[in-house]
PDB file of all heavy atoms in Angstrom:
ATOM      1  N   HIS A   1      -1.942  -1.754  -4.432  1.00  0.00           N
ATOM      2  CA  HIS A   1      -1.933  -1.697  -2.930  1.00  0.00           C
ATOM      3  C   HIS A   1      -0.881  -2.666  -2.338  1.00  0.00           C
ATOM      4  O   HIS A   1      -0.637  -3.734  -2.960  1.00  0.00           O
ATOM      5  CB  HIS A   1      -3.328  -2.070  -2.429  1.00  0.00           C
ATOM      6  CG  HIS A   1      -4.336  -1.031  -2.584  1.00  0.00           C
ATOM      7  ND1 HIS A   1      -4.910  -0.684  -3.787  1.00  0.00           N
ATOM      8  CD2 HIS A   1      -4.874  -0.119  -1.658  1.00  0.00           C
ATOM      9  CE1 HIS A   1      -5.797   0.366  -3.600  1.00  0.00           C
ATOM     10  NE2 HIS A   1      -5.789   0.674  -2.385  1.00  0.00           N
ATOM     11  N   ILE A   2      -0.304  -2.301  -1.233  1.00  0.00           N
ATOM     12  CA  ILE A   2       0.566  -3.199  -0.438  1.00  0.00           C
ATOM     13  C   ILE A   2      -0.265  -3.588   0.785  1.00  0.00           C
ATOM     14  O   ILE A   2      -0.522  -2.694   1.672  1.00  0.00           O
ATOM     15  CB  ILE A   2       1.860  -2.509  -0.068  1.00  0.00           C
ATOM     16  CG1 ILE A   2       2.620  -2.149  -1.342  1.00  0.00           C
ATOM     17  CG2 ILE A   2       2.726  -3.415   0.739  1.00  0.00           C
ATOM     18  CD1 ILE A   2       3.932  -1.312  -1.075  1.00  0.00           C
ATOM     19  N   TYR A   3      -0.612  -4.815   0.878  1.00  0.00           N
ATOM     20  CA  TYR A   3      -1.379  -5.308   2.014  1.00  0.00           C
ATOM     21  C   TYR A   3      -0.466  -5.737   3.137  1.00  0.00           C
ATOM     22  O   TYR A   3       0.588  -6.242   2.926  1.00  0.00           O
ATOM     23  CB  TYR A   3      -2.243  -6.487   1.595  1.00  0.00           C
ATOM     24  CG  TYR A   3      -3.375  -6.153   0.678  1.00  0.00           C
ATOM     25  CD1 TYR A   3      -3.208  -6.190  -0.738  1.00  0.00           C
ATOM     26  CD2 TYR A   3      -4.617  -5.680   1.100  1.00  0.00           C
ATOM     27  CE1 TYR A   3      -4.178  -5.798  -1.621  1.00  0.00           C
ATOM     28  CE2 TYR A   3      -5.648  -5.348   0.257  1.00  0.00           C
ATOM     29  CZ  TYR A   3      -5.381  -5.431  -1.141  1.00  0.00           C
ATOM     30  OH  TYR A   3      -6.395  -5.024  -1.968  1.00  0.00           O
ATOM     31  N   VAL A   4      -0.947  -5.543   4.377  1.00  0.00           N
ATOM     32  CA  VAL A   4      -0.230  -5.878   5.549  1.00  0.00           C
ATOM     33  C   VAL A   4      -0.800  -7.197   6.151  1.00  0.00           C
ATOM     34  O   VAL A   4      -2.022  -7.216   6.467  1.00  0.00           O
ATOM     35  CB  VAL A   4      -0.240  -4.795   6.654  1.00  0.00           C
ATOM     36  CG1 VAL A   4       0.504  -5.166   7.870  1.00  0.00           C
ATOM     37  CG2 VAL A   4       0.334  -3.502   5.992  1.00  0.00           C
ATOM     38  N   GLY A   5       0.000  -8.206   6.346  1.00  0.00           N
ATOM     39  CA  GLY A   5      -0.517  -9.400   6.987  1.00  0.00           C
ATOM     40  C   GLY A   5      -1.377 -10.249   6.120  1.00  0.00           C
ATOM     41  O   GLY A   5      -1.474 -10.054   4.892  1.00  0.00           O
ATOM     42  N   LYS A   6      -2.076 -11.232   6.690  1.00  0.00           N
ATOM     43  CA  LYS A   6      -2.884 -12.226   5.974  1.00  0.00           C
ATOM     44  C   LYS A   6      -4.310 -11.723   5.682  1.00  0.00           C
ATOM     45  O   LYS A   6      -4.862 -12.075   4.594  1.00  0.00           O
ATOM     46  CB  LYS A   6      -2.888 -13.565   6.713  1.00  0.00           C
ATOM     47  CG  LYS A   6      -1.565 -14.217   6.808  1.00  0.00           C
ATOM     48  CD  LYS A   6      -1.755 -15.558   7.531  1.00  0.00           C
ATOM     49  CE  LYS A   6      -0.449 -16.329   7.555  1.00  0.00           C
ATOM     50  NZ  LYS A   6      -0.594 -17.649   8.273  1.00  0.00           N
ATOM     51  N   ASP A   7      -4.851 -10.923   6.535  1.00  0.00           N
ATOM     52  CA  ASP A   7      -6.293 -10.646   6.420  1.00  0.00           C
ATOM     53  C   ASP A   7      -6.584  -9.449   5.536  1.00  0.00           C
ATOM     54  O   ASP A   7      -7.746  -9.143   5.237  1.00  0.00           O
ATOM     55  CB  ASP A   7      -6.926 -10.448   7.796  1.00  0.00           C
ATOM     56  CG  ASP A   7      -6.325  -9.347   8.562  1.00  0.00           C
ATOM     57  OD1 ASP A   7      -5.486  -8.639   8.005  1.00  0.00           O
ATOM     58  OD2 ASP A   7      -6.673  -9.204   9.777  1.00  0.00           O
ATOM     59  N   ALA A   8      -5.578  -8.728   5.071  1.00  0.00           N
ATOM     60  CA  ALA A   8      -5.816  -7.609   4.186  1.00  0.00           C
ATOM     61  C   ALA A   8      -6.679  -6.477   4.762  1.00  0.00           C
ATOM     62  O   ALA A   8      -7.367  -5.796   4.090  1.00  0.00           O
ATOM     63  CB  ALA A   8      -6.305  -8.077   2.883  1.00  0.00           C
ATOM     64  N   THR A   9      -6.669  -6.410   6.099  1.00  0.00           N
ATOM     65  CA  THR A   9      -7.395  -5.286   6.714  1.00  0.00           C
ATOM     66  C   THR A   9      -6.721  -3.929   6.538  1.00  0.00           C
ATOM     67  O   THR A   9      -7.363  -2.909   6.280  1.00  0.00           O
ATOM     68  CB  THR A   9      -7.664  -5.545   8.184  1.00  0.00           C
ATOM     69  OG1 THR A   9      -8.294  -6.787   8.411  1.00  0.00           O
ATOM     70  CG2 THR A   9      -8.378  -4.455   8.915  1.00  0.00           C
ATOM     71  N   TYR A  10      -5.388  -3.989   6.667  1.00  0.00           N
ATOM     72  CA  TYR A  10      -4.573  -2.759   6.524  1.00  0.00           C
ATOM     73  C   TYR A  10      -3.738  -2.748   5.292  1.00  0.00           C
ATOM     74  O   TYR A  10      -3.283  -3.819   4.853  1.00  0.00           O
ATOM     75  CB  TYR A  10      -3.708  -2.638   7.787  1.00  0.00           C
ATOM     76  CG  TYR A  10      -4.438  -2.337   9.098  1.00  0.00           C
ATOM     77  CD1 TYR A  10      -4.686  -3.384  10.000  1.00  0.00           C
ATOM     78  CD2 TYR A  10      -4.883  -1.022   9.359  1.00  0.00           C
ATOM     79  CE1 TYR A  10      -5.437  -3.132  11.153  1.00  0.00           C
ATOM     80  CE2 TYR A  10      -5.568  -0.810  10.536  1.00  0.00           C
ATOM     81  CZ  TYR A  10      -5.809  -1.838  11.435  1.00  0.00           C
ATOM     82  OH  TYR A  10      -6.599  -1.552  12.584  1.00  0.00           O
ATOM     83  N   CYS A  11      -3.538  -1.518   4.776  1.00  0.00           N
ATOM     84  CA  CYS A  11      -2.654  -1.315   3.700  1.00  0.00           C
ATOM     85  C   CYS A  11      -1.635  -0.203   4.044  1.00  0.00           C
ATOM     86  O   CYS A  11      -1.879   0.583   5.019  1.00  0.00           O
ATOM     87  CB  CYS A  11      -3.415  -0.866   2.452  1.00  0.00           C
ATOM     88  SG  CYS A  11      -4.416  -2.201   1.677  1.00  0.00           S
ATOM     89  N   LEU A  12      -0.551  -0.183   3.284  1.00  0.00           N
ATOM     90  CA  LEU A  12       0.433   0.902   3.528  1.00  0.00           C
ATOM     91  C   LEU A  12      -0.061   2.190   2.847  1.00  0.00           C
ATOM     92  O   LEU A  12      -0.518   2.153   1.694  1.00  0.00           O
ATOM     93  CB  LEU A  12       1.795   0.485   3.008  1.00  0.00           C
ATOM     94  CG  LEU A  12       2.460  -0.752   3.676  1.00  0.00           C
ATOM     95  CD1 LEU A  12       3.856  -0.952   3.213  1.00  0.00           C
ATOM     96  CD2 LEU A  12       2.413  -0.632   5.196  1.00  0.00           C
ATOM     97  N   GLU A  13       0.120   3.259   3.479  1.00  0.00           N
ATOM     98  CA  GLU A  13      -0.348   4.598   3.027  1.00  0.00           C
ATOM     99  C   GLU A  13       0.720   5.637   3.099  1.00  0.00           C
ATOM    100  O   GLU A  13       1.455   5.681   4.104  1.00  0.00           O
ATOM    101  CB  GLU A  13      -1.651   5.007   3.782  1.00  0.00           C
ATOM    102  CG  GLU A  13      -2.252   6.280   3.263  1.00  0.00           C
ATOM    103  CD  GLU A  13      -3.595   6.498   4.003  1.00  0.00           C
ATOM    104  OE1 GLU A  13      -4.430   5.626   3.935  1.00  0.00           O
ATOM    105  OE2 GLU A  13      -3.736   7.611   4.629  1.00  0.00           O
ATOM    106  N   ALA A  14       0.851   6.501   2.205  1.00  0.00           N
ATOM    107  CA  ALA A  14       1.794   7.575   2.198  1.00  0.00           C
ATOM    108  C   ALA A  14       1.284   8.752   2.965  1.00  0.00           C
ATOM    109  O   ALA A  14       0.236   9.322   2.527  1.00  0.00           O
ATOM    110  CB  ALA A  14       2.168   7.996   0.759  1.00  0.00           C
ATOM    111  N   ASP A  15       1.963   9.133   4.011  1.00  0.00           N
ATOM    112  CA  ASP A  15       1.593  10.333   4.765  1.00  0.00           C
ATOM    113  C   ASP A  15       2.628  11.390   4.309  1.00  0.00           C
ATOM    114  O   ASP A  15       3.719  11.563   4.810  1.00  0.00           O
ATOM    115  CB  ASP A  15       1.769  10.111   6.253  1.00  0.00           C
ATOM    116  CG  ASP A  15       1.509  11.365   7.055  1.00  0.00           C
ATOM    117  OD1 ASP A  15       1.256  12.406   6.512  1.00  0.00           O
ATOM    118  OD2 ASP A  15       1.568  11.290   8.323  1.00  0.00           O
ATOM    119  N   LEU A  16       2.276  12.095   3.159  1.00  0.00           N
ATOM    120  CA  LEU A  16       3.248  12.966   2.503  1.00  0.00           C
ATOM    121  C   LEU A  16       3.496  14.112   3.363  1.00  0.00           C
ATOM    122  O   LEU A  16       4.633  14.700   3.283  1.00  0.00           O
ATOM    123  CB  LEU A  16       2.607  13.350   1.173  1.00  0.00           C
ATOM    124  CG  LEU A  16       2.440  12.255   0.160  1.00  0.00           C
ATOM    125  CD1 LEU A  16       1.786  12.787  -1.127  1.00  0.00           C
ATOM    126  CD2 LEU A  16       3.743  11.578  -0.209  1.00  0.00           C
ATOM    127  N   HIS A  17       2.625  14.593   4.173  1.00  0.00           N
ATOM    128  CA  HIS A  17       2.810  15.805   4.985  1.00  0.00           C
ATOM    129  C   HIS A  17       3.931  15.485   5.999  1.00  0.00           C
ATOM    130  O   HIS A  17       4.797  16.429   6.194  1.00  0.00           O
ATOM    131  CB  HIS A  17       1.553  16.188   5.745  1.00  0.00           C
ATOM    132  CG  HIS A  17       1.673  17.408   6.558  1.00  0.00           C
ATOM    133  ND1 HIS A  17       1.795  18.638   6.090  1.00  0.00           N
ATOM    134  CD2 HIS A  17       1.793  17.468   7.976  1.00  0.00           C
ATOM    135  CE1 HIS A  17       1.986  19.495   7.107  1.00  0.00           C
ATOM    136  NE2 HIS A  17       1.940  18.806   8.296  1.00  0.00           N
ATOM    137  N   ASN A  18       3.933  14.391   6.618  1.00  0.00           N
ATOM    138  CA  ASN A  18       4.978  14.039   7.564  1.00  0.00           C
ATOM    139  C   ASN A  18       6.121  13.157   7.092  1.00  0.00           C
ATOM    140  O   ASN A  18       6.965  12.784   7.842  1.00  0.00           O
ATOM    141  CB  ASN A  18       4.315  13.349   8.831  1.00  0.00           C
ATOM    142  CG  ASN A  18       3.392  14.263   9.534  1.00  0.00           C
ATOM    143  OD1 ASN A  18       3.758  15.335  10.026  1.00  0.00           O
ATOM    144  ND2 ASN A  18       2.109  13.867   9.649  1.00  0.00           N
ATOM    145  N   GLN A  19       6.096  12.839   5.731  1.00  0.00           N
ATOM    146  CA  GLN A  19       7.006  11.999   5.138  1.00  0.00           C
ATOM    147  C   GLN A  19       7.151  10.638   5.838  1.00  0.00           C
ATOM    148  O   GLN A  19       8.239  10.177   6.096  1.00  0.00           O
ATOM    149  CB  GLN A  19       8.367  12.715   4.949  1.00  0.00           C
ATOM    150  CG  GLN A  19       8.375  13.830   3.954  1.00  0.00           C
ATOM    151  CD  GLN A  19       9.794  14.187   3.517  1.00  0.00           C
ATOM    152  OE1 GLN A  19      10.608  14.588   4.349  1.00  0.00           O
ATOM    153  NE2 GLN A  19      10.061  14.024   2.197  1.00  0.00           N
ATOM    154  N   LYS A  20       5.972  10.018   6.206  1.00  0.00           N
ATOM    155  CA  LYS A  20       5.927   8.804   6.779  1.00  0.00           C
ATOM    156  C   LYS A  20       5.200   7.745   5.899  1.00  0.00           C
ATOM    157  O   LYS A  20       4.363   8.099   5.090  1.00  0.00           O
ATOM    158  CB  LYS A  20       5.288   8.878   8.158  1.00  0.00           C
ATOM    159  CG  LYS A  20       6.061   9.714   9.220  1.00  0.00           C
ATOM    160  CD  LYS A  20       5.351   9.657  10.521  1.00  0.00           C
ATOM    161  CE  LYS A  20       6.122  10.483  11.540  1.00  0.00           C
ATOM    162  NZ  LYS A  20       5.376  10.489  12.910  1.00  0.00           N
ATOM    163  N   VAL A  21       5.466   6.475   6.160  1.00  0.00           N
ATOM    164  CA  VAL A  21       4.644   5.383   5.626  1.00  0.00           C
ATOM    165  C   VAL A  21       3.857   4.850   6.808  1.00  0.00           C
ATOM    166  O   VAL A  21       4.479   4.370   7.792  1.00  0.00           O
ATOM    167  CB  VAL A  21       5.487   4.271   4.951  1.00  0.00           C
ATOM    168  CG1 VAL A  21       4.574   3.218   4.372  1.00  0.00           C
ATOM    169  CG2 VAL A  21       6.469   4.843   3.898  1.00  0.00           C
ATOM    170  N   ILE A  22       2.574   4.810   6.687  1.00  0.00           N
ATOM    171  CA  ILE A  22       1.743   4.407   7.849  1.00  0.00           C
ATOM    172  C   ILE A  22       0.761   3.278   7.435  1.00  0.00           C
ATOM    173  O   ILE A  22       0.630   3.049   6.231  1.00  0.00           O
ATOM    174  CB  ILE A  22       1.004   5.618   8.488  1.00  0.00           C
ATOM    175  CG1 ILE A  22       0.031   6.209   7.374  1.00  0.00           C
ATOM    176  CG2 ILE A  22       1.942   6.655   9.051  1.00  0.00           C
ATOM    177  CD1 ILE A  22      -0.914   7.221   7.970  1.00  0.00           C
ATOM    178  N   LEU A  23       0.122   2.754   8.423  1.00  0.00           N
ATOM    179  CA  LEU A  23      -0.968   1.760   8.142  1.00  0.00           C
ATOM    180  C   LEU A  23      -2.325   2.522   8.175  1.00  0.00           C
ATOM    181  O   LEU A  23      -2.497   3.458   8.934  1.00  0.00           O
ATOM    182  CB  LEU A  23      -0.967   0.682   9.210  1.00  0.00           C
ATOM    183  CG  LEU A  23      -0.225  -0.647   8.997  1.00  0.00           C
ATOM    184  CD1 LEU A  23       1.318  -0.248   8.875  1.00  0.00           C
ATOM    185  CD2 LEU A  23      -0.498  -1.608  10.120  1.00  0.00           C
ATOM    186  N   ASN A  24      -3.200   2.063   7.289  1.00  0.00           N
ATOM    187  CA  ASN A  24      -4.547   2.525   7.357  1.00  0.00           C
ATOM    188  C   ASN A  24      -5.496   1.428   6.782  1.00  0.00           C
ATOM    189  O   ASN A  24      -4.989   0.564   6.089  1.00  0.00           O
ATOM    190  CB  ASN A  24      -4.732   3.790   6.549  1.00  0.00           C
ATOM    191  CG  ASN A  24      -5.935   4.557   6.939  1.00  0.00           C
ATOM    192  OD1 ASN A  24      -6.748   4.205   7.798  1.00  0.00           O
ATOM    193  ND2 ASN A  24      -6.187   5.739   6.320  1.00  0.00           N
ATOM    194  N   TYR A  25      -6.759   1.507   7.089  1.00  0.00           N
ATOM    195  CA  TYR A  25      -7.688   0.540   6.538  1.00  0.00           C
ATOM    196  C   TYR A  25      -7.667   0.553   5.009  1.00  0.00           C
ATOM    197  O   TYR A  25      -7.631   1.689   4.443  1.00  0.00           O
ATOM    198  CB  TYR A  25      -9.067   0.815   7.103  1.00  0.00           C
ATOM    199  CG  TYR A  25      -9.273   0.438   8.533  1.00  0.00           C
ATOM    200  CD1 TYR A  25      -9.421   1.492   9.469  1.00  0.00           C
ATOM    201  CD2 TYR A  25      -9.300  -0.884   8.939  1.00  0.00           C
ATOM    202  CE1 TYR A  25      -9.593   1.187  10.799  1.00  0.00           C
ATOM    203  CE2 TYR A  25      -9.465  -1.199  10.268  1.00  0.00           C
ATOM    204  CZ  TYR A  25      -9.633  -0.156  11.219  1.00  0.00           C
ATOM    205  OH  TYR A  25      -9.757  -0.471  12.515  1.00  0.00           O
ATOM    206  N   CYS A  26      -7.568  -0.603   4.377  1.00  0.00           N
ATOM    207  CA  CYS A  26      -7.495  -0.663   3.019  1.00  0.00           C
ATOM    208  C   CYS A  26      -8.746  -0.006   2.290  1.00  0.00           C
ATOM    209  O   CYS A  26      -9.856  -0.304   2.711  1.00  0.00           O
ATOM    210  CB  CYS A  26      -7.345  -2.072   2.456  1.00  0.00           C
ATOM    211  SG  CYS A  26      -5.813  -2.877   3.091  1.00  0.00           S
ATOM    212  N   SER A  27      -8.572   0.752   1.293  1.00  0.00           N
ATOM    213  CA  SER A  27      -9.679   1.410   0.638  1.00  0.00           C
ATOM    214  C   SER A  27      -9.354   1.559  -0.863  1.00  0.00           C
ATOM    215  O   SER A  27      -8.239   1.946  -1.198  1.00  0.00           O
ATOM    216  CB  SER A  27      -9.984   2.779   1.255  1.00  0.00           C
ATOM    217  OG  SER A  27     -10.935   3.474   0.512  1.00  0.00           O
ATOM    218  N   ALA A  28     -10.338   1.355  -1.721  1.00  0.00           N
ATOM    219  CA  ALA A  28     -10.160   1.516  -3.112  1.00  0.00           C
ATOM    220  C   ALA A  28     -10.164   2.972  -3.553  1.00  0.00           C
ATOM    221  O   ALA A  28      -9.749   3.329  -4.696  1.00  0.00           O
ATOM    222  CB  ALA A  28     -11.266   0.825  -3.886  1.00  0.00           C
ATOM    223  N   THR A  29     -10.548   3.864  -2.700  1.00  0.00           N
ATOM    224  CA  THR A  29     -10.742   5.274  -3.023  1.00  0.00           C
ATOM    225  C   THR A  29      -9.583   6.161  -2.507  1.00  0.00           C
ATOM    226  O   THR A  29      -9.534   7.352  -2.820  1.00  0.00           O
ATOM    227  CB  THR A  29     -12.045   5.841  -2.462  1.00  0.00           C
ATOM    228  OG1 THR A  29     -12.057   5.711  -1.102  1.00  0.00           O
ATOM    229  CG2 THR A  29     -13.240   5.008  -3.084  1.00  0.00           C
ATOM    230  N   ILE A  30      -8.670   5.632  -1.664  1.00  0.00           N
ATOM    231  CA  ILE A  30      -7.578   6.401  -1.100  1.00  0.00           C
ATOM    232  C   ILE A  30      -6.393   6.354  -2.074  1.00  0.00           C
ATOM    233  O   ILE A  30      -5.689   5.298  -2.103  1.00  0.00           O
ATOM    234  CB  ILE A  30      -7.231   5.989   0.319  1.00  0.00           C
ATOM    235  CG1 ILE A  30      -8.387   6.132   1.256  1.00  0.00           C
ATOM    236  CG2 ILE A  30      -6.029   6.746   0.870  1.00  0.00           C
ATOM    237  CD1 ILE A  30      -8.163   5.672   2.724  1.00  0.00           C
ATOM    238  N   GLU A  31      -6.120   7.368  -2.769  1.00  0.00           N
ATOM    239  CA  GLU A  31      -4.981   7.308  -3.722  1.00  0.00           C
ATOM    240  C   GLU A  31      -3.624   7.191  -3.067  1.00  0.00           C
ATOM    241  O   GLU A  31      -2.722   6.672  -3.651  1.00  0.00           O
ATOM    242  CB  GLU A  31      -4.982   8.653  -4.532  1.00  0.00           C
ATOM    243  CG  GLU A  31      -6.096   8.724  -5.567  1.00  0.00           C
ATOM    244  CD  GLU A  31      -5.974   7.625  -6.632  1.00  0.00           C
ATOM    245  OE1 GLU A  31      -4.832   7.460  -7.190  1.00  0.00           O
ATOM    246  OE2 GLU A  31      -6.960   6.865  -6.897  1.00  0.00           O
ATOM    247  N   PHE A  32      -3.503   7.657  -1.759  1.00  0.00           N
ATOM    248  CA  PHE A  32      -2.272   7.525  -1.069  1.00  0.00           C
ATOM    249  C   PHE A  32      -1.823   6.144  -0.727  1.00  0.00           C
ATOM    250  O   PHE A  32      -0.760   5.897  -0.242  1.00  0.00           O
ATOM    251  CB  PHE A  32      -2.330   8.368   0.233  1.00  0.00           C
ATOM    252  CG  PHE A  32      -2.591   9.803   0.007  1.00  0.00           C
ATOM    253  CD1 PHE A  32      -3.821  10.369   0.142  1.00  0.00           C
ATOM    254  CD2 PHE A  32      -1.528  10.705  -0.452  1.00  0.00           C
ATOM    255  CE1 PHE A  32      -4.038  11.769  -0.023  1.00  0.00           C
ATOM    256  CE2 PHE A  32      -1.785  12.059  -0.592  1.00  0.00           C
ATOM    257  CZ  PHE A  32      -2.985  12.560  -0.427  1.00  0.00           C
ATOM    258  N   GLN A  33      -2.703   5.167  -1.020  1.00  0.00           N
ATOM    259  CA  GLN A  33      -2.417   3.788  -0.758  1.00  0.00           C
ATOM    260  C   GLN A  33      -1.909   3.094  -1.984  1.00  0.00           C
ATOM    261  O   GLN A  33      -1.708   1.820  -1.967  1.00  0.00           O
ATOM    262  CB  GLN A  33      -3.601   3.031  -0.230  1.00  0.00           C
ATOM    263  CG  GLN A  33      -4.070   3.495   1.182  1.00  0.00           C
ATOM    264  CD  GLN A  33      -5.222   2.671   1.732  1.00  0.00           C
ATOM    265  OE1 GLN A  33      -5.740   1.782   1.063  1.00  0.00           O
ATOM    266  NE2 GLN A  33      -5.683   3.089   2.964  1.00  0.00           N
ATOM    267  N   ARG A  34      -1.708   3.775  -3.047  1.00  0.00           N
ATOM    268  CA  ARG A  34      -1.179   3.139  -4.282  1.00  0.00           C
ATOM    269  C   ARG A  34       0.273   3.368  -4.482  1.00  0.00           C
ATOM    270  O   ARG A  34       0.797   4.450  -4.290  1.00  0.00           O
ATOM    271  CB  ARG A  34      -2.012   3.647  -5.499  1.00  0.00           C
ATOM    272  CG  ARG A  34      -3.512   3.354  -5.313  1.00  0.00           C
ATOM    273  CD  ARG A  34      -4.307   4.045  -6.402  1.00  0.00           C
ATOM    274  NE  ARG A  34      -4.034   3.428  -7.739  1.00  0.00           N
ATOM    275  CZ  ARG A  34      -3.557   4.151  -8.769  1.00  0.00           C
ATOM    276  NH1 ARG A  34      -3.440   5.520  -8.665  1.00  0.00           N
ATOM    277  NH2 ARG A  34      -3.357   3.575  -9.920  1.00  0.00           N
ATOM    278  N   TRP A  35       1.026   2.275  -4.859  1.00  0.00           N
ATOM    279  CA  TRP A  35       2.463   2.280  -4.904  1.00  0.00           C
ATOM    280  C   TRP A  35       2.969   1.671  -6.238  1.00  0.00           C
ATOM    281  O   TRP A  35       2.345   0.781  -6.796  1.00  0.00           O
ATOM    282  CB  TRP A  35       3.020   1.510  -3.752  1.00  0.00           C
ATOM    283  CG  TRP A  35       2.613   2.028  -2.366  1.00  0.00           C
ATOM    284  CD1 TRP A  35       1.543   1.623  -1.718  1.00  0.00           C
ATOM    285  CD2 TRP A  35       3.232   3.053  -1.653  1.00  0.00           C
ATOM    286  NE1 TRP A  35       1.411   2.273  -0.514  1.00  0.00           N
ATOM    287  CE2 TRP A  35       2.453   3.156  -0.450  1.00  0.00           C
ATOM    288  CE3 TRP A  35       4.316   3.870  -1.806  1.00  0.00           C
ATOM    289  CZ2 TRP A  35       2.784   4.103   0.567  1.00  0.00           C
ATOM    290  CZ3 TRP A  35       4.667   4.771  -0.856  1.00  0.00           C
ATOM    291  CH2 TRP A  35       3.886   4.878   0.329  1.00  0.00           C
ATOM    292  N   LYS A  36       4.126   2.200  -6.675  1.00  0.00           N
ATOM    293  CA  LYS A  36       4.798   1.662  -7.836  1.00  0.00           C
ATOM    294  C   LYS A  36       6.115   1.099  -7.383  1.00  0.00           C
ATOM    295  O   LYS A  36       6.849   1.688  -6.566  1.00  0.00           O
ATOM    296  CB  LYS A  36       5.102   2.864  -8.813  1.00  0.00           C
ATOM    297  CG  LYS A  36       5.887   2.390 -10.049  1.00  0.00           C
ATOM    298  CD  LYS A  36       6.197   3.558 -10.937  1.00  0.00           C
ATOM    299  CE  LYS A  36       7.133   3.190 -12.128  1.00  0.00           C
ATOM    300  NZ  LYS A  36       7.451   4.327 -12.962  1.00  0.00           N
ATOM    301  N   ILE A  37       6.401  -0.094  -7.866  1.00  0.00           N
ATOM    302  CA  ILE A  37       7.704  -0.818  -7.545  1.00  0.00           C
ATOM    303  C   ILE A  37       8.527  -0.888  -8.783  1.00  0.00           C
ATOM    304  O   ILE A  37       7.997  -1.240  -9.920  1.00  0.00           O
ATOM    305  CB  ILE A  37       7.413  -2.208  -6.937  1.00  0.00           C
ATOM    306  CG1 ILE A  37       6.472  -2.081  -5.729  1.00  0.00           C
ATOM    307  CG2 ILE A  37       8.702  -2.883  -6.481  1.00  0.00           C
ATOM    308  CD1 ILE A  37       6.049  -3.372  -5.049  1.00  0.00           C
ATOM    309  N   GLY A  38       9.819  -0.796  -8.585  1.00  0.00           N
ATOM    310  CA  GLY A  38      10.773  -0.739  -9.728  1.00  0.00           C
ATOM    311  C   GLY A  38      10.591  -1.886 -10.766  1.00  0.00           C
ATOM    312  O   GLY A  38      10.269  -1.663 -11.872  1.00  0.00           O
ATOM    313  N   GLN A  39      10.835  -3.144 -10.336  1.00  0.00           N
ATOM    314  CA  GLN A  39      10.707  -4.224 -11.254  1.00  0.00           C
ATOM    315  C   GLN A  39       9.814  -5.306 -10.610  1.00  0.00           C
ATOM    316  O   GLN A  39       9.976  -5.650  -9.451  1.00  0.00           O
ATOM    317  CB  GLN A  39      12.122  -4.841 -11.537  1.00  0.00           C
ATOM    318  CG  GLN A  39      13.078  -3.888 -12.226  1.00  0.00           C
ATOM    319  CD  GLN A  39      14.451  -4.523 -12.485  1.00  0.00           C
ATOM    320  OE1 GLN A  39      14.667  -5.670 -12.241  1.00  0.00           O
ATOM    321  NE2 GLN A  39      15.352  -3.661 -12.966  1.00  0.00           N
ATOM    322  N   ILE A  40       8.921  -5.851 -11.419  1.00  0.00           N
ATOM    323  CA  ILE A  40       7.900  -6.824 -10.901  1.00  0.00           C
ATOM    324  C   ILE A  40       8.017  -8.065 -11.678  1.00  0.00           C
ATOM    325  O   ILE A  40       8.084  -8.080 -12.923  1.00  0.00           O
ATOM    326  CB  ILE A  40       6.483  -6.220 -10.993  1.00  0.00           C
ATOM    327  CG1 ILE A  40       6.402  -4.951 -10.140  1.00  0.00           C
ATOM    328  CG2 ILE A  40       5.496  -7.228 -10.538  1.00  0.00           C
ATOM    329  CD1 ILE A  40       5.072  -4.234 -10.365  1.00  0.00           C
ATOM    330  N   ASN A  41       7.977  -9.196 -10.936  1.00  0.00           N
ATOM    331  CA  ASN A  41       7.921 -10.544 -11.573  1.00  0.00           C
ATOM    332  C   ASN A  41       6.469 -10.985 -11.599  1.00  0.00           C
ATOM    333  O   ASN A  41       5.957 -11.539 -10.698  1.00  0.00           O
ATOM    334  CB  ASN A  41       8.809 -11.504 -10.686  1.00  0.00           C
ATOM    335  CG  ASN A  41       8.914 -12.877 -11.362  1.00  0.00           C
ATOM    336  OD1 ASN A  41       8.051 -13.337 -12.083  1.00  0.00           O
ATOM    337  ND2 ASN A  41      10.077 -13.497 -11.149  1.00  0.00           N
ATOM    338  N   LEU A  42       5.823 -10.659 -12.705  1.00  0.00           N
ATOM    339  CA  LEU A  42       4.404 -10.892 -12.870  1.00  0.00           C
ATOM    340  C   LEU A  42       4.044 -12.380 -12.696  1.00  0.00           C
ATOM    341  O   LEU A  42       2.943 -12.756 -12.212  1.00  0.00           O
ATOM    342  CB  LEU A  42       3.924 -10.417 -14.207  1.00  0.00           C
ATOM    343  CG  LEU A  42       3.922  -8.875 -14.412  1.00  0.00           C
ATOM    344  CD1 LEU A  42       3.530  -8.522 -15.868  1.00  0.00           C
ATOM    345  CD2 LEU A  42       3.010  -8.212 -13.424  1.00  0.00           C
ATOM    346  N   GLU A  43       4.935 -13.268 -13.172  1.00  0.00           N
ATOM    347  CA  GLU A  43       4.634 -14.705 -13.025  1.00  0.00           C
ATOM    348  C   GLU A  43       4.476 -15.132 -11.594  1.00  0.00           C
ATOM    349  O   GLU A  43       3.585 -15.951 -11.227  1.00  0.00           O
ATOM    350  CB  GLU A  43       5.772 -15.489 -13.692  1.00  0.00           C
ATOM    351  CG  GLU A  43       5.540 -16.988 -13.734  1.00  0.00           C
ATOM    352  CD  GLU A  43       4.416 -17.404 -14.632  1.00  0.00           C
ATOM    353  OE1 GLU A  43       4.071 -16.619 -15.543  1.00  0.00           O
ATOM    354  OE2 GLU A  43       3.816 -18.445 -14.376  1.00  0.00           O
ATOM    355  N   HIS A  44       5.275 -14.552 -10.729  1.00  0.00           N
ATOM    356  CA  HIS A  44       5.171 -14.876  -9.266  1.00  0.00           C
ATOM    357  C   HIS A  44       3.967 -14.249  -8.611  1.00  0.00           C
ATOM    358  O   HIS A  44       3.423 -14.769  -7.702  1.00  0.00           O
ATOM    359  CB  HIS A  44       6.480 -14.456  -8.521  1.00  0.00           C
ATOM    360  CG  HIS A  44       7.609 -15.444  -8.678  1.00  0.00           C
ATOM    361  ND1 HIS A  44       7.499 -16.575  -9.490  1.00  0.00           N
ATOM    362  CD2 HIS A  44       8.833 -15.441  -8.209  1.00  0.00           C
ATOM    363  CE1 HIS A  44       8.586 -17.232  -9.449  1.00  0.00           C
ATOM    364  NE2 HIS A  44       9.483 -16.561  -8.680  1.00  0.00           N
ATOM    365  N   LEU A  45       3.558 -13.071  -9.085  1.00  0.00           N
ATOM    366  CA  LEU A  45       2.512 -12.335  -8.389  1.00  0.00           C
ATOM    367  C   LEU A  45       1.164 -12.630  -8.910  1.00  0.00           C
ATOM    368  O   LEU A  45       0.187 -12.321  -8.184  1.00  0.00           O
ATOM    369  CB  LEU A  45       2.777 -10.838  -8.653  1.00  0.00           C
ATOM    370  CG  LEU A  45       3.825 -10.152  -7.654  1.00  0.00           C
ATOM    371  CD1 LEU A  45       4.102  -8.741  -8.105  1.00  0.00           C
ATOM    372  CD2 LEU A  45       3.313 -10.180  -6.177  1.00  0.00           C
TER     373      LEU A  45
END
C-alpha cells in the first residue's frame, strides 16, 4: 500500500476504468490499492 500523509487514513487506489490514481480509505481487502515499485531499498523502508 501507498499511504497518504501521516495518519494513514487514505491510500492510493487504481481507478482502472478512468485510468486515474485516486484516494480512498485504506483497506486490506481492496486489491486496487496494491502497488509494485521498480527498485526498493529495503534497509530504508
